Amino acid sequence: MNKVKEYILSVYKEIGAIVWPSRKRVYTDTVIVVIALFLSVLGIGLLDTGLSKAFQYLINKISV
């Protein structure tokens, strides 16, 4: 039982040592992630559309 108490106390001690980011830092990082996500989705969408049209073109050329 003493080991459990020591463990819990050490966990509380570690939690106290955590340095949490400021609200401004969290907001900035969130904006960066959303922009990166948007650009990734846009890039993948353009790549998908381009490859789809290229394959459609090749299929039409071969079947003619």
Protein backbone atom coordinates (compact mmCIF):
# COMPACT_ATOMS: atom_id res chain seq x y z
CA MET A 1 0.00 0.00 0.00
CA ASN A 2 2.93 2.32 0.68
CA LYS A 3 4.17 1.88 -2.91
CA VAL A 4 0.79 2.97 -4.26
CA LYS A 5 0.91 6.10 -2.11
CA GLU A 6 4.44 6.88 -3.31
CA TYR A 7 3.38 6.36 -6.91
CA ILE A 8 0.38 8.71 -6.59
CA LEU A 9 2.53 11.36 -4.91
CA SER A 10 5.14 11.10 -7.65
CA VAL A 11 2.42 11.46 -10.30
CA TYR A 12 1.16 14.65 -8.64
CA LYS A 13 4.72 15.93 -8.48
CA GLU A 14 5.23 15.27 -12.22
CA ILE A 15 1.92 16.94 -13.10
CA GLY A 16 3.07 20.02 -11.19
CA ALA A 17 6.22 20.16 -13.33
CA ILE A 18 4.28 20.35 -16.61
CA VAL A 19 4.62 23.67 -18.42
CA TRP A 20 1.33 24.33 -20.18
CA PRO A 21 1.30 26.50 -23.33
CA SER A 22 -0.32 29.91 -23.27
CA ARG A 23 -3.71 30.55 -24.83
CA LYS A 24 -2.05 32.58 -27.60
CA ARG A 25 0.33 29.70 -28.43
CA VAL A 26 -2.55 27.20 -28.58
CA TYR A 27 -4.52 29.54 -30.86
CA THR A 28 -1.51 30.09 -33.15
CA ASP A 29 -0.73 26.39 -33.38
CA THR A 30 -4.40 25.60 -34.09
CA VAL A 31 -4.50 28.13 -36.95
CA ILE A 32 -1.32 26.64 -38.41
CA VAL A 33 -2.76 23.12 -38.25
CA VAL A 34 -6.05 24.18 -39.87
CA ILE A 35 -4.19 25.97 -42.70
CA ALA A 36 -1.91 22.97 -43.24
CA LEU A 37 -4.92 20.66 -43.29
CA PHE A 38 -6.71 22.88 -45.82
CA LEU A 39 -3.66 23.02 -48.09
CA SER A 40 -3.21 19.24 -47.84
CA VAL A 41 -6.84 18.60 -48.74
CA LEU A 42 -6.60 21.05 -51.63
CA GLY A 43 -3.41 19.42 -52.93
CA ILE A 44 -4.82 15.90 -52.68
CA GLY A 45 -8.06 17.03 -54.35
CA LEU A 46 -6.17 18.63 -57.24
CA LEU A 47 -3.97 15.56 -57.61
CA ASP A 48 -6.99 13.27 -57.57
CA THR A 49 -8.82 15.38 -60.16
CA GLY A 50 -5.76 15.59 -62.41
CA LEU A 51 -5.06 11.87 -62.28
CA SER A 52 -8.73 11.08 -62.83
CA LYS A 53 -8.83 13.25 -65.94
CA ALA A 54 -5.52 11.81 -67.19
CA PHE A 55 -6.76 8.23 -66.83
CA GLN A 56 -10.08 9.13 -68.43
CA TYR A 57 -8.17 10.65 -71.36
CA LEU A 58 -6.01 7.53 -71.70
CA ILE A 59 -9.02 5.23 -71.52
CA ASN A 60 -10.80 7.25 -74.23
CA LYS A 61 -7.67 7.19 -76.42
CA ILE A 62 -7.21 3.43 -76.05
CA SER A 63 -10.88 2.51 -76.63
CA VAL A 64 -11.19 4.56 -79.83
